[in-house]
Amino acid sequence: MHPSTRRKVAAGVLALTATLSFGARAEDTILASVPGLTFPFFVHMMKAFKAEAAKQGLGVIESDGQVSSPKQTADIEAALTKGVKGIVISPNEVDALAPALSQAVDAKVPVVTVDRRVAQVDGILAHVGADNVKGGEAQGQLIVAKFPNGATIINLQGQSGASPAIDRNKGLHNVLDKAGGKYKIAFEQTAGFDRAKGLSVTEAALAGMPKPPQVIVAANDDMALGAMEAVKARGLTGIVIIGFDALPEALAQVRDGGLTATIEQFPGKQSAIGVQTLAAFIKSGKKPAEKVLLLTPVAITKANLKVAERLGEVK
């Protein structure tokens, strides 16, 4: 156990919630961990983990990382102490979680990462995620399609150190930076994947600009929805706002015109495949054909809402 997190393990044990699926044995239990259940995206992911585990006859110890890498690390170490047979996890920060996942691998506990890849740890069974670079490129391509002659842009970046934030920003710049300077990013700052921060950061950006931007692009829907509120508060119209994650609330705003688009990355499908991969290894030692499986994100506008994974949850 790592000394820096030893004292947190007791708290981690208390915070872990165990649910055994019907017919599952205690020795068939896995850890399912997400960065934080305050985020709707990760609530959806956890539900998908648990639903697929039930189908596979696996029990689940549920871990809410509470947006804290030490907390998520402590949960992993507590689960290893409990003797879990596998771990499926979306890491809060890929670098910070690497030591704990290395510990699991060394203990011969199979690990499948979902959404956020920890490439520096050898021996992880598989990674299932979205190609976030292509997702960022989809945002950029949508901007280019709507503003072929150029645009001024506010870019709300995601949580520092989170691989999706890094990759989505890279993809966005891949497209816009190649356009010969037509697309000016007038303001670019992290808002931590958080709605309240998306609101406050957008307010600060708008206050400092001589005239409104044509586009606000955000690395997730929570920040985009916060930006939408900031725009409404100023009485501004006509600004294209693009999110990422296709949350039900964002889909409703795309339908109703509050947001222009969001990017669907199929998190439920990612999560189900992750648990399926882990279950196959636990039950029969079967390794996946591909160690890294990346789904291609899709831009969702009013024209293709039916493609969205969570459209049935829209009110």
C-alpha atoms as a PDB file:
ATOM      1  CA  MET A   1       0.000   0.000   0.000  1.00  0.00           C
ATOM      2  CA  HIS A   2       1.290   3.478  -0.843  1.00  0.00           C
ATOM      3  CA  PRO A   3       2.149   5.448   2.336  1.00  0.00           C
ATOM      4  CA  SER A   4       0.556   8.643   1.029  1.00  0.00           C
ATOM      5  CA  THR A   5      -2.840   6.956   0.878  1.00  0.00           C
ATOM      6  CA  ARG A   6      -2.607   4.420   3.737  1.00  0.00           C
ATOM      7  CA  ARG A   7      -4.512   6.674   6.138  1.00  0.00           C
ATOM      8  CA  LYS A   8      -7.294   7.166   3.572  1.00  0.00           C
ATOM      9  CA  VAL A   9      -8.037   3.466   3.126  1.00  0.00           C
ATOM     10  CA  ALA A  10     -10.329   3.261   6.150  1.00  0.00           C
ATOM     11  CA  ALA A  11     -12.381   6.115   4.740  1.00  0.00           C
ATOM     12  CA  GLY A  12     -12.290   4.426   1.348  1.00  0.00           C
ATOM     13  CA  VAL A  13     -13.641   1.174   2.778  1.00  0.00           C
ATOM     14  CA  LEU A  14     -16.505   3.025   4.430  1.00  0.00           C
ATOM     15  CA  ALA A  15     -17.277   4.884   1.213  1.00  0.00           C
ATOM     16  CA  LEU A  16     -17.465   1.777  -0.961  1.00  0.00           C
ATOM     17  CA  THR A  17     -20.972   0.532  -1.683  1.00  0.00           C
ATOM     18  CA  ALA A  18     -21.320  -3.169  -2.471  1.00  0.00           C
ATOM     19  CA  THR A  19     -24.151  -4.632  -4.504  1.00  0.00           C
ATOM     20  CA  LEU A  20     -24.251  -8.332  -5.366  1.00  0.00           C
ATOM     21  CA  SER A  21     -26.198  -9.265  -8.477  1.00  0.00           C
ATOM     22  CA  PHE A  22     -28.623 -12.175  -8.268  1.00  0.00           C
ATOM     23  CA  GLY A  23     -26.735 -15.456  -8.185  1.00  0.00           C
ATOM     24  CA  ALA A  24     -23.319 -13.815  -7.830  1.00  0.00           C
ATOM     25  CA  ARG A  25     -20.824 -15.166  -5.336  1.00  0.00           C
ATOM     26  CA  ALA A  26     -18.749 -12.855  -3.161  1.00  0.00           C
ATOM     27  CA  GLU A  27     -15.624 -14.127  -4.909  1.00  0.00           C
ATOM     28  CA  ASP A  28     -17.055 -12.892  -8.234  1.00  0.00           C
ATOM     29  CA  THR A  29     -17.134  -9.254  -7.102  1.00  0.00           C
ATOM     30  CA  ILE A  30     -15.491  -6.432  -9.076  1.00  0.00           C
ATOM     31  CA  LEU A  31     -14.764  -2.788  -8.294  1.00  0.00           C
ATOM     32  CA  ALA A  32     -16.515  -0.218 -10.493  1.00  0.00           C
ATOM     33  CA  SER A  33     -15.050   3.252 -10.018  1.00  0.00           C
ATOM     34  CA  VAL A  34     -15.763   6.646 -11.567  1.00  0.00           C
ATOM     35  CA  PRO A  35     -14.192  10.086 -10.937  1.00  0.00           C
ATOM     36  CA  GLY A  36     -17.273  11.592  -9.284  1.00  0.00           C
ATOM     37  CA  LEU A  37     -20.990  10.920  -9.028  1.00  0.00           C
ATOM     38  CA  THR A  38     -21.768  14.637  -8.918  1.00  0.00           C
ATOM     39  CA  PHE A  39     -21.363  14.549 -12.714  1.00  0.00           C
ATOM     40  CA  PRO A  40     -24.382  13.217 -14.672  1.00  0.00           C
ATOM     41  CA  PHE A  41     -22.027  11.636 -17.208  1.00  0.00           C
ATOM     42  CA  PHE A  42     -20.449   9.427 -14.539  1.00  0.00           C
ATOM     43  CA  VAL A  43     -23.806   8.604 -12.944  1.00  0.00           C
ATOM     44  CA  HIS A  44     -24.840   7.203 -16.328  1.00  0.00           C
ATOM     45  CA  MET A  45     -21.547   5.326 -16.601  1.00  0.00           C
ATOM     46  CA  MET A  46     -21.939   3.759 -13.146  1.00  0.00           C
ATOM     47  CA  LYS A  47     -25.496   2.642 -13.954  1.00  0.00           C
ATOM     48  CA  ALA A  48     -24.182   0.984 -17.114  1.00  0.00           C
ATOM     49  CA  PHE A  49     -21.360  -0.726 -15.181  1.00  0.00           C
ATOM     50  CA  LYS A  50     -23.818  -2.144 -12.659  1.00  0.00           C
ATOM     51  CA  ALA A  51     -26.404  -3.181 -15.248  1.00  0.00           C
ATOM     52  CA  GLU A  52     -23.859  -5.088 -17.325  1.00  0.00           C
ATOM     53  CA  ALA A  53     -22.273  -6.650 -14.223  1.00  0.00           C
ATOM     54  CA  ALA A  54     -25.714  -7.973 -13.251  1.00  0.00           C
ATOM     55  CA  LYS A  55     -26.092  -9.515 -16.714  1.00  0.00           C
ATOM     56  CA  GLN A  56     -22.684 -11.144 -16.308  1.00  0.00           C
ATOM     57  CA  GLY A  57     -23.489 -12.488 -12.829  1.00  0.00           C
ATOM     58  CA  LEU A  58     -20.901 -10.299 -11.109  1.00  0.00           C
ATOM     59  CA  GLY A  59     -21.218  -8.424  -7.834  1.00  0.00           C
ATOM     60  CA  VAL A  60     -20.142  -4.786  -7.774  1.00  0.00           C
ATOM     61  CA  ILE A  61     -18.371  -2.648  -5.230  1.00  0.00           C
ATOM     62  CA  GLU A  62     -19.254   0.905  -6.246  1.00  0.00           C
ATOM     63  CA  SER A  63     -16.638   3.643  -5.870  1.00  0.00           C
ATOM     64  CA  ASP A  64     -17.390   7.369  -6.078  1.00  0.00           C
ATOM     65  CA  GLY A  65     -14.011   9.073  -6.519  1.00  0.00           C
ATOM     66  CA  GLN A  66     -15.503  12.407  -5.386  1.00  0.00           C
ATOM     67  CA  VAL A  67     -13.253  14.181  -7.944  1.00  0.00           C
ATOM     68  CA  SER A  68     -10.286  13.259  -5.737  1.00  0.00           C
ATOM     69  CA  SER A  69      -7.439  11.096  -6.968  1.00  0.00           C
ATOM     70  CA  PRO A  70      -6.376  10.217  -3.384  1.00  0.00           C
ATOM     71  CA  LYS A  71      -9.968   9.111  -2.647  1.00  0.00           C
ATOM     72  CA  GLN A  72     -10.150   6.985  -5.789  1.00  0.00           C
ATOM     73  CA  THR A  73      -6.713   5.531  -5.009  1.00  0.00           C
ATOM     74  CA  ALA A  74      -7.855   4.660  -1.485  1.00  0.00           C
ATOM     75  CA  ASP A  75     -10.959   2.966  -2.900  1.00  0.00           C
ATOM     76  CA  ILE A  76      -8.811   0.825  -5.197  1.00  0.00           C
ATOM     77  CA  GLU A  77      -6.528  -0.198  -2.353  1.00  0.00           C
ATOM     78  CA  ALA A  78      -9.494  -0.965  -0.096  1.00  0.00           C
ATOM     79  CA  ALA A  79     -11.055  -3.106  -2.831  1.00  0.00           C
ATOM     80  CA  LEU A  80      -7.807  -5.013  -3.334  1.00  0.00           C
ATOM     81  CA  THR A  81      -7.775  -5.711   0.395  1.00  0.00           C
ATOM     82  CA  LYS A  82     -11.328  -7.061   0.061  1.00  0.00           C
ATOM     83  CA  GLY A  83     -10.149  -9.438  -2.676  1.00  0.00           C
ATOM     84  CA  VAL A  84     -11.996  -8.170  -5.741  1.00  0.00           C
ATOM     85  CA  LYS A  85     -11.505 -10.231  -8.886  1.00  0.00           C
ATOM     86  CA  GLY A  86     -11.303  -7.288 -11.248  1.00  0.00           C
ATOM     87  CA  ILE A  87     -11.499  -3.517 -11.621  1.00  0.00           C
ATOM     88  CA  VAL A  88     -13.326  -1.427 -14.201  1.00  0.00           C
ATOM     89  CA  ILE A  89     -12.487   2.223 -13.797  1.00  0.00           C
ATOM     90  CA  SER A  90     -12.626   5.679 -15.304  1.00  0.00           C
ATOM     91  CA  PRO A  91      -9.665   7.376 -13.582  1.00  0.00           C
ATOM     92  CA  ASN A  92     -10.009  10.867 -12.145  1.00  0.00           C
ATOM     93  CA  GLU A  93      -6.467  11.738 -13.298  1.00  0.00           C
ATOM     94  CA  VAL A  94      -4.489   9.299 -15.374  1.00  0.00           C
ATOM     95  CA  ASP A  95      -1.067  10.092 -13.886  1.00  0.00           C
ATOM     96  CA  ALA A  96      -2.258  10.193 -10.282  1.00  0.00           C
ATOM     97  CA  LEU A  97      -4.074   6.856 -10.552  1.00  0.00           C
ATOM     98  CA  ALA A  98      -1.197   5.044 -12.251  1.00  0.00           C
ATOM     99  CA  PRO A  99       0.485   3.826  -8.998  1.00  0.00           C
ATOM    100  CA  ALA A 100      -2.724   2.281  -7.634  1.00  0.00           C
ATOM    101  CA  LEU A 101      -3.507   0.588 -10.946  1.00  0.00           C
ATOM    102  CA  SER A 102       0.075  -0.702 -11.112  1.00  0.00           C
ATOM    103  CA  GLN A 103      -0.499  -2.170  -7.643  1.00  0.00           C
ATOM    104  CA  ALA A 104      -3.612  -3.963  -8.938  1.00  0.00           C
ATOM    105  CA  VAL A 105      -1.747  -5.318 -11.961  1.00  0.00           C
ATOM    106  CA  ASP A 106       1.111  -6.521  -9.734  1.00  0.00           C
ATOM    107  CA  ALA A 107      -1.486  -8.319  -7.596  1.00  0.00           C
ATOM    108  CA  LYS A 108      -2.748 -10.030 -10.790  1.00  0.00           C
ATOM    109  CA  VAL A 109      -6.124  -8.315 -10.556  1.00  0.00           C
ATOM    110  CA  PRO A 110      -7.296  -7.522 -14.118  1.00  0.00           C
ATOM    111  CA  VAL A 111      -8.001  -3.867 -14.854  1.00  0.00           C
ATOM    112  CA  VAL A 112     -10.126  -2.401 -17.649  1.00  0.00           C
ATOM    113  CA  THR A 113     -10.090   1.377 -18.046  1.00  0.00           C
ATOM    114  CA  VAL A 114     -13.054   3.162 -19.595  1.00  0.00           C
ATOM    115  CA  ASP A 115     -13.165   6.677 -21.082  1.00  0.00           C
ATOM    116  CA  ARG A 116      -9.759   7.689 -19.658  1.00  0.00           C
ATOM    117  CA  ARG A 117      -6.722   5.624 -20.601  1.00  0.00           C
ATOM    118  CA  VAL A 118      -3.693   5.096 -18.317  1.00  0.00           C
ATOM    119  CA  ALA A 119      -1.202   4.251 -21.050  1.00  0.00           C
ATOM    120  CA  GLN A 120       1.838   4.390 -18.763  1.00  0.00           C
ATOM    121  CA  VAL A 121       0.795   1.283 -16.811  1.00  0.00           C
ATOM    122  CA  ASP A 122       1.870  -1.957 -18.461  1.00  0.00           C
ATOM    123  CA  GLY A 123      -0.347  -4.954 -17.970  1.00  0.00           C
ATOM    124  CA  ILE A 124      -3.780  -3.293 -18.033  1.00  0.00           C
ATOM    125  CA  LEU A 125      -6.116  -5.814 -19.652  1.00  0.00           C
ATOM    126  CA  ALA A 126      -7.917  -3.381 -21.939  1.00  0.00           C
ATOM    127  CA  HIS A 127      -9.075   0.162 -22.519  1.00  0.00           C
ATOM    128  CA  VAL A 128     -12.489   1.033 -23.919  1.00  0.00           C
ATOM    129  CA  GLY A 129     -13.229   4.620 -24.743  1.00  0.00           C
ATOM    130  CA  ALA A 130     -14.116   7.194 -27.322  1.00  0.00           C
ATOM    131  CA  ASP A 131     -11.591   8.671 -29.693  1.00  0.00           C
ATOM    132  CA  ASN A 132     -11.639  12.058 -27.972  1.00  0.00           C
ATOM    133  CA  VAL A 133      -9.284  13.591 -30.517  1.00  0.00           C
ATOM    134  CA  LYS A 134     -11.852  12.774 -33.207  1.00  0.00           C
ATOM    135  CA  GLY A 135     -14.555  14.155 -30.921  1.00  0.00           C
ATOM    136  CA  GLY A 136     -12.709  17.468 -30.664  1.00  0.00           C
ATOM    137  CA  GLU A 137     -12.203  17.405 -34.415  1.00  0.00           C
ATOM    138  CA  ALA A 138     -15.961  16.939 -34.847  1.00  0.00           C
ATOM    139  CA  GLN A 139     -16.496  20.128 -32.830  1.00  0.00           C
ATOM    140  CA  GLY A 140     -13.975  21.961 -35.001  1.00  0.00           C
ATOM    141  CA  GLN A 141     -15.477  20.663 -38.229  1.00  0.00           C
ATOM    142  CA  LEU A 142     -18.912  21.840 -37.136  1.00  0.00           C
ATOM    143  CA  ILE A 143     -17.516  25.334 -36.473  1.00  0.00           C
ATOM    144  CA  VAL A 144     -15.876  25.401 -39.908  1.00  0.00           C
ATOM    145  CA  ALA A 145     -19.094  24.234 -41.574  1.00  0.00           C
ATOM    146  CA  LYS A 146     -21.167  26.937 -39.871  1.00  0.00           C
ATOM    147  CA  PHE A 147     -18.596  29.720 -40.303  1.00  0.00           C
ATOM    148  CA  PRO A 148     -16.603  29.023 -43.486  1.00  0.00           C
ATOM    149  CA  ASN A 149     -15.230  32.575 -43.494  1.00  0.00           C
ATOM    150  CA  GLY A 150     -13.918  32.390 -39.939  1.00  0.00           C
ATOM    151  CA  ALA A 151     -15.142  33.040 -36.399  1.00  0.00           C
ATOM    152  CA  THR A 152     -14.172  34.345 -32.975  1.00  0.00           C
ATOM    153  CA  ILE A 153     -14.325  31.593 -30.368  1.00  0.00           C
ATOM    154  CA  ILE A 154     -14.392  31.040 -26.598  1.00  0.00           C
ATOM    155  CA  ASN A 155     -12.939  27.622 -25.738  1.00  0.00           C
ATOM    156  CA  LEU A 156     -13.859  26.131 -22.360  1.00  0.00           C
ATOM    157  CA  GLN A 157     -11.358  23.372 -21.658  1.00  0.00           C
ATOM    158  CA  GLY A 158     -11.936  20.416 -19.348  1.00  0.00           C
ATOM    159  CA  GLN A 159     -10.304  19.288 -16.125  1.00  0.00           C
ATOM    160  CA  SER A 160      -6.533  19.766 -16.155  1.00  0.00           C
ATOM    161  CA  GLY A 161      -4.724  16.422 -16.333  1.00  0.00           C
ATOM    162  CA  ALA A 162      -7.768  14.477 -17.566  1.00  0.00           C
ATOM    163  CA  SER A 163      -7.005  12.683 -20.826  1.00  0.00           C
ATOM    164  CA  PRO A 164     -10.410  13.460 -22.429  1.00  0.00           C
ATOM    165  CA  ALA A 165      -9.842  17.172 -21.805  1.00  0.00           C
ATOM    166  CA  ILE A 166      -6.380  17.013 -23.339  1.00  0.00           C
ATOM    167  CA  ASP A 167      -7.488  14.999 -26.359  1.00  0.00           C
ATOM    168  CA  ARG A 168     -10.642  17.012 -27.083  1.00  0.00           C
ATOM    169  CA  ASN A 169      -8.674  20.228 -27.004  1.00  0.00           C
ATOM    170  CA  LYS A 170      -6.060  18.696 -29.302  1.00  0.00           C
ATOM    171  CA  GLY A 171      -8.733  17.632 -31.782  1.00  0.00           C
ATOM    172  CA  LEU A 172     -10.351  21.068 -31.794  1.00  0.00           C
ATOM    173  CA  HIS A 173      -7.015  22.724 -32.478  1.00  0.00           C
ATOM    174  CA  ASN A 174      -6.167  20.130 -35.148  1.00  0.00           C
ATOM    175  CA  VAL A 175      -9.013  21.520 -37.222  1.00  0.00           C
ATOM    176  CA  LEU A 176      -8.994  25.222 -36.355  1.00  0.00           C
ATOM    177  CA  ASP A 177      -5.235  25.760 -36.391  1.00  0.00           C
ATOM    178  CA  LYS A 178      -5.011  24.459 -39.958  1.00  0.00           C
ATOM    179  CA  ALA A 179      -7.460  27.034 -41.277  1.00  0.00           C
ATOM    180  CA  GLY A 180      -4.920  29.772 -41.878  1.00  0.00           C
ATOM    181  CA  GLY A 181      -5.819  32.042 -38.960  1.00  0.00           C
ATOM    182  CA  LYS A 182      -9.473  32.476 -39.866  1.00  0.00           C
ATOM    183  CA  TYR A 183     -10.584  31.060 -36.535  1.00  0.00           C
ATOM    184  CA  LYS A 184      -9.506  33.185 -33.612  1.00  0.00           C
ATOM    185  CA  ILE A 185      -9.717  31.645 -30.139  1.00  0.00           C
ATOM    186  CA  ALA A 186     -10.132  34.880 -28.210  1.00  0.00           C
ATOM    187  CA  PHE A 187     -10.402  33.183 -24.816  1.00  0.00           C
ATOM    188  CA  GLU A 188      -9.277  29.728 -23.742  1.00  0.00           C
ATOM    189  CA  GLN A 189      -9.354  28.461 -20.161  1.00  0.00           C
ATOM    190  CA  THR A 190     -10.265  25.383 -18.143  1.00  0.00           C
ATOM    191  CA  ALA A 191     -13.629  25.365 -16.400  1.00  0.00           C
ATOM    192  CA  GLY A 192     -12.985  21.966 -14.820  1.00  0.00           C
ATOM    193  CA  PHE A 193     -15.861  20.109 -16.526  1.00  0.00           C
ATOM    194  CA  ASP A 194     -18.088  21.987 -14.024  1.00  0.00           C
ATOM    195  CA  ARG A 195     -21.330  23.856 -14.822  1.00  0.00           C
ATOM    196  CA  ALA A 196     -20.910  26.617 -12.231  1.00  0.00           C
ATOM    197  CA  LYS A 197     -17.369  27.215 -13.432  1.00  0.00           C
ATOM    198  CA  GLY A 198     -18.567  27.151 -17.028  1.00  0.00           C
ATOM    199  CA  LEU A 199     -20.965  29.945 -16.106  1.00  0.00           C
ATOM    200  CA  SER A 200     -18.430  32.053 -14.188  1.00  0.00           C
ATOM    201  CA  VAL A 201     -15.584  31.582 -16.675  1.00  0.00           C
ATOM    202  CA  THR A 202     -17.874  32.490 -19.583  1.00  0.00           C
ATOM    203  CA  GLU A 203     -19.118  35.573 -17.723  1.00  0.00           C
ATOM    204  CA  ALA A 204     -15.508  36.695 -17.229  1.00  0.00           C
ATOM    205  CA  ALA A 205     -14.661  36.009 -20.860  1.00  0.00           C
ATOM    206  CA  LEU A 206     -17.657  37.925 -22.208  1.00  0.00           C
ATOM    207  CA  ALA A 207     -16.958  40.850 -19.889  1.00  0.00           C
ATOM    208  CA  GLY A 208     -13.440  41.146 -21.275  1.00  0.00           C
ATOM    209  CA  MET A 209     -14.342  41.002 -24.975  1.00  0.00           C
ATOM    210  CA  PRO A 210     -15.144  44.132 -27.020  1.00  0.00           C
ATOM    211  CA  LYS A 211     -17.886  42.244 -28.866  1.00  0.00           C
ATOM    212  CA  PRO A 212     -19.503  38.818 -28.425  1.00  0.00           C
ATOM    213  CA  PRO A 213     -17.926  35.745 -30.041  1.00  0.00           C
ATOM    214  CA  GLN A 214     -19.635  33.774 -32.762  1.00  0.00           C
ATOM    215  CA  VAL A 215     -18.917  30.463 -31.005  1.00  0.00           C
ATOM    216  CA  ILE A 216     -18.532  29.009 -27.516  1.00  0.00           C
ATOM    217  CA  VAL A 217     -17.152  25.481 -27.578  1.00  0.00           C
ATOM    218  CA  ALA A 218     -16.911  23.412 -24.401  1.00  0.00           C
ATOM    219  CA  ALA A 219     -15.212  20.108 -23.590  1.00  0.00           C
ATOM    220  CA  ASN A 220     -18.360  18.816 -21.890  1.00  0.00           C
ATOM    221  CA  ASP A 221     -22.060  19.582 -21.674  1.00  0.00           C
ATOM    222  CA  ASP A 222     -22.023  20.855 -18.098  1.00  0.00           C
ATOM    223  CA  MET A 223     -19.682  23.683 -19.084  1.00  0.00           C
ATOM    224  CA  ALA A 224     -21.706  24.343 -22.238  1.00  0.00           C
ATOM    225  CA  LEU A 225     -24.914  24.590 -20.195  1.00  0.00           C
ATOM    226  CA  GLY A 226     -23.191  27.000 -17.804  1.00  0.00           C
ATOM    227  CA  ALA A 227     -22.030  29.063 -20.781  1.00  0.00           C
ATOM    228  CA  MET A 228     -25.597  29.088 -22.125  1.00  0.00           C
ATOM    229  CA  GLU A 229     -26.805  30.639 -18.863  1.00  0.00           C
ATOM    230  CA  ALA A 230     -24.104  33.311 -19.044  1.00  0.00           C
ATOM    231  CA  VAL A 231     -25.119  34.153 -22.607  1.00  0.00           C
ATOM    232  CA  LYS A 232     -28.808  34.360 -21.657  1.00  0.00           C
ATOM    233  CA  ALA A 233     -28.029  36.594 -18.677  1.00  0.00           C
ATOM    234  CA  ARG A 234     -26.423  39.109 -21.023  1.00  0.00           C
ATOM    235  CA  GLY A 235     -29.326  38.976 -23.439  1.00  0.00           C
ATOM    236  CA  LEU A 236     -27.100  37.763 -26.263  1.00  0.00           C
ATOM    237  CA  THR A 237     -28.496  35.809 -29.200  1.00  0.00           C
ATOM    238  CA  GLY A 238     -27.074  33.997 -32.196  1.00  0.00           C
ATOM    239  CA  ILE A 239     -24.019  32.546 -30.456  1.00  0.00           C
ATOM    240  CA  VAL A 240     -23.310  28.958 -31.473  1.00  0.00           C
ATOM    241  CA  ILE A 241     -22.710  26.848 -28.336  1.00  0.00           C
ATOM    242  CA  ILE A 242     -21.280  23.351 -28.724  1.00  0.00           C
ATOM    243  CA  GLY A 243     -20.981  20.850 -25.890  1.00  0.00           C
ATOM    244  CA  PHE A 244     -19.704  17.301 -25.550  1.00  0.00           C
ATOM    245  CA  ASP A 245     -21.240  14.159 -23.941  1.00  0.00           C
ATOM    246  CA  ALA A 246     -24.861  14.209 -25.177  1.00  0.00           C
ATOM    247  CA  LEU A 247     -26.383  14.428 -21.694  1.00  0.00           C
ATOM    248  CA  PRO A 248     -30.211  14.337 -21.684  1.00  0.00           C
ATOM    249  CA  GLU A 249     -30.394  17.979 -20.576  1.00  0.00           C
ATOM    250  CA  ALA A 250     -28.043  19.000 -23.361  1.00  0.00           C
ATOM    251  CA  LEU A 251     -30.050  17.007 -25.899  1.00  0.00           C
ATOM    252  CA  ALA A 252     -33.178  18.848 -24.768  1.00  0.00           C
ATOM    253  CA  GLN A 253     -31.395  22.158 -25.300  1.00  0.00           C
ATOM    254  CA  VAL A 254     -30.234  21.064 -28.760  1.00  0.00           C
ATOM    255  CA  ARG A 255     -33.859  20.196 -29.552  1.00  0.00           C
ATOM    256  CA  ASP A 256     -35.109  23.530 -28.196  1.00  0.00           C
ATOM    257  CA  GLY A 257     -32.322  25.733 -29.584  1.00  0.00           C
ATOM    258  CA  GLY A 258     -30.376  26.597 -26.426  1.00  0.00           C
ATOM    259  CA  LEU A 259     -27.360  24.639 -27.640  1.00  0.00           C
ATOM    260  CA  THR A 260     -26.370  24.169 -31.262  1.00  0.00           C
ATOM    261  CA  ALA A 261     -24.791  20.748 -30.846  1.00  0.00           C
ATOM    262  CA  THR A 262     -23.224  18.212 -28.532  1.00  0.00           C
ATOM    263  CA  ILE A 263     -20.900  15.291 -29.195  1.00  0.00           C
ATOM    264  CA  GLU A 264     -22.128  11.750 -28.551  1.00  0.00           C
ATOM    265  CA  GLN A 265     -19.428   9.357 -27.350  1.00  0.00           C
ATOM    266  CA  PHE A 266     -21.703   6.461 -26.308  1.00  0.00           C
ATOM    267  CA  PRO A 267     -20.621   6.130 -22.643  1.00  0.00           C
ATOM    268  CA  GLY A 268     -23.162   3.429 -21.875  1.00  0.00           C
ATOM    269  CA  LYS A 269     -21.816   1.306 -24.699  1.00  0.00           C
ATOM    270  CA  GLN A 270     -18.228   1.966 -23.570  1.00  0.00           C
ATOM    271  CA  SER A 271     -19.082   0.911 -20.028  1.00  0.00           C
ATOM    272  CA  ALA A 272     -20.934  -2.245 -21.063  1.00  0.00           C
ATOM    273  CA  ILE A 273     -18.076  -3.367 -23.316  1.00  0.00           C
ATOM    274  CA  GLY A 274     -15.622  -2.677 -20.479  1.00  0.00           C
ATOM    275  CA  VAL A 275     -17.510  -4.949 -18.072  1.00  0.00           C
ATOM    276  CA  GLN A 276     -18.010  -7.602 -20.764  1.00  0.00           C
ATOM    277  CA  THR A 277     -14.259  -7.625 -21.409  1.00  0.00           C
ATOM    278  CA  LEU A 278     -13.473  -7.932 -17.708  1.00  0.00           C
ATOM    279  CA  ALA A 279     -16.078 -10.669 -17.180  1.00  0.00           C
ATOM    280  CA  ALA A 280     -14.734 -12.752 -20.077  1.00  0.00           C
ATOM    281  CA  PHE A 281     -11.265 -12.689 -18.564  1.00  0.00           C
ATOM    282  CA  ILE A 282     -12.449 -13.457 -15.026  1.00  0.00           C
ATOM    283  CA  LYS A 283     -14.599 -16.384 -16.171  1.00  0.00           C
ATOM    284  CA  SER A 284     -12.400 -17.984 -18.815  1.00  0.00           C
ATOM    285  CA  GLY A 285      -9.088 -16.132 -19.031  1.00  0.00           C
ATOM    286  CA  LYS A 286     -10.068 -14.760 -22.449  1.00  0.00           C
ATOM    287  CA  LYS A 287      -8.114 -11.667 -23.450  1.00  0.00           C
ATOM    288  CA  PRO A 288      -9.675  -9.093 -25.777  1.00  0.00           C
ATOM    289  CA  ALA A 289      -8.762  -9.108 -29.458  1.00  0.00           C
ATOM    290  CA  GLU A 290      -7.944  -5.404 -29.163  1.00  0.00           C
ATOM    291  CA  LYS A 291      -6.280  -3.963 -26.059  1.00  0.00           C
ATOM    292  CA  VAL A 292      -7.493  -0.491 -27.029  1.00  0.00           C
ATOM    293  CA  LEU A 293     -10.993  -0.095 -28.463  1.00  0.00           C
ATOM    294  CA  LEU A 294     -12.035   3.436 -29.360  1.00  0.00           C
ATOM    295  CA  LEU A 295     -15.553   4.335 -30.481  1.00  0.00           C
ATOM    296  CA  THR A 296     -15.915   7.215 -32.937  1.00  0.00           C
ATOM    297  CA  PRO A 297     -17.893  10.169 -31.506  1.00  0.00           C
ATOM    298  CA  VAL A 298     -20.703  11.761 -33.509  1.00  0.00           C
ATOM    299  CA  ALA A 299     -21.834  15.392 -33.562  1.00  0.00           C
ATOM    300  CA  ILE A 300     -25.500  15.612 -32.548  1.00  0.00           C
ATOM    301  CA  THR A 301     -27.585  18.500 -33.885  1.00  0.00           C
ATOM    302  CA  LYS A 302     -31.328  18.994 -34.122  1.00  0.00           C
ATOM    303  CA  ALA A 303     -31.182  17.156 -37.465  1.00  0.00           C
ATOM    304  CA  ASN A 304     -29.905  13.832 -36.062  1.00  0.00           C
ATOM    305  CA  LEU A 305     -31.107  13.743 -32.446  1.00  0.00           C
ATOM    306  CA  LYS A 306     -32.315  10.166 -32.900  1.00  0.00           C
ATOM    307  CA  VAL A 307     -28.677   8.971 -32.941  1.00  0.00           C
ATOM    308  CA  ALA A 308     -28.171  10.000 -29.291  1.00  0.00           C
ATOM    309  CA  GLU A 309     -27.750   7.146 -26.810  1.00  0.00           C
ATOM    310  CA  ARG A 310     -29.828   8.829 -24.082  1.00  0.00           C
ATOM    311  CA  LEU A 311     -32.579  10.406 -26.172  1.00  0.00           C
ATOM    312  CA  GLY A 312     -35.160   8.311 -24.299  1.00  0.00           C
ATOM    313  CA  GLU A 313     -34.289  10.196 -21.088  1.00  0.00           C
ATOM    314  CA  VAL A 314     -35.007  13.631 -22.568  1.00  0.00           C
ATOM    315  CA  LYS A 315     -37.983  15.433 -21.027  1.00  0.00           C
END
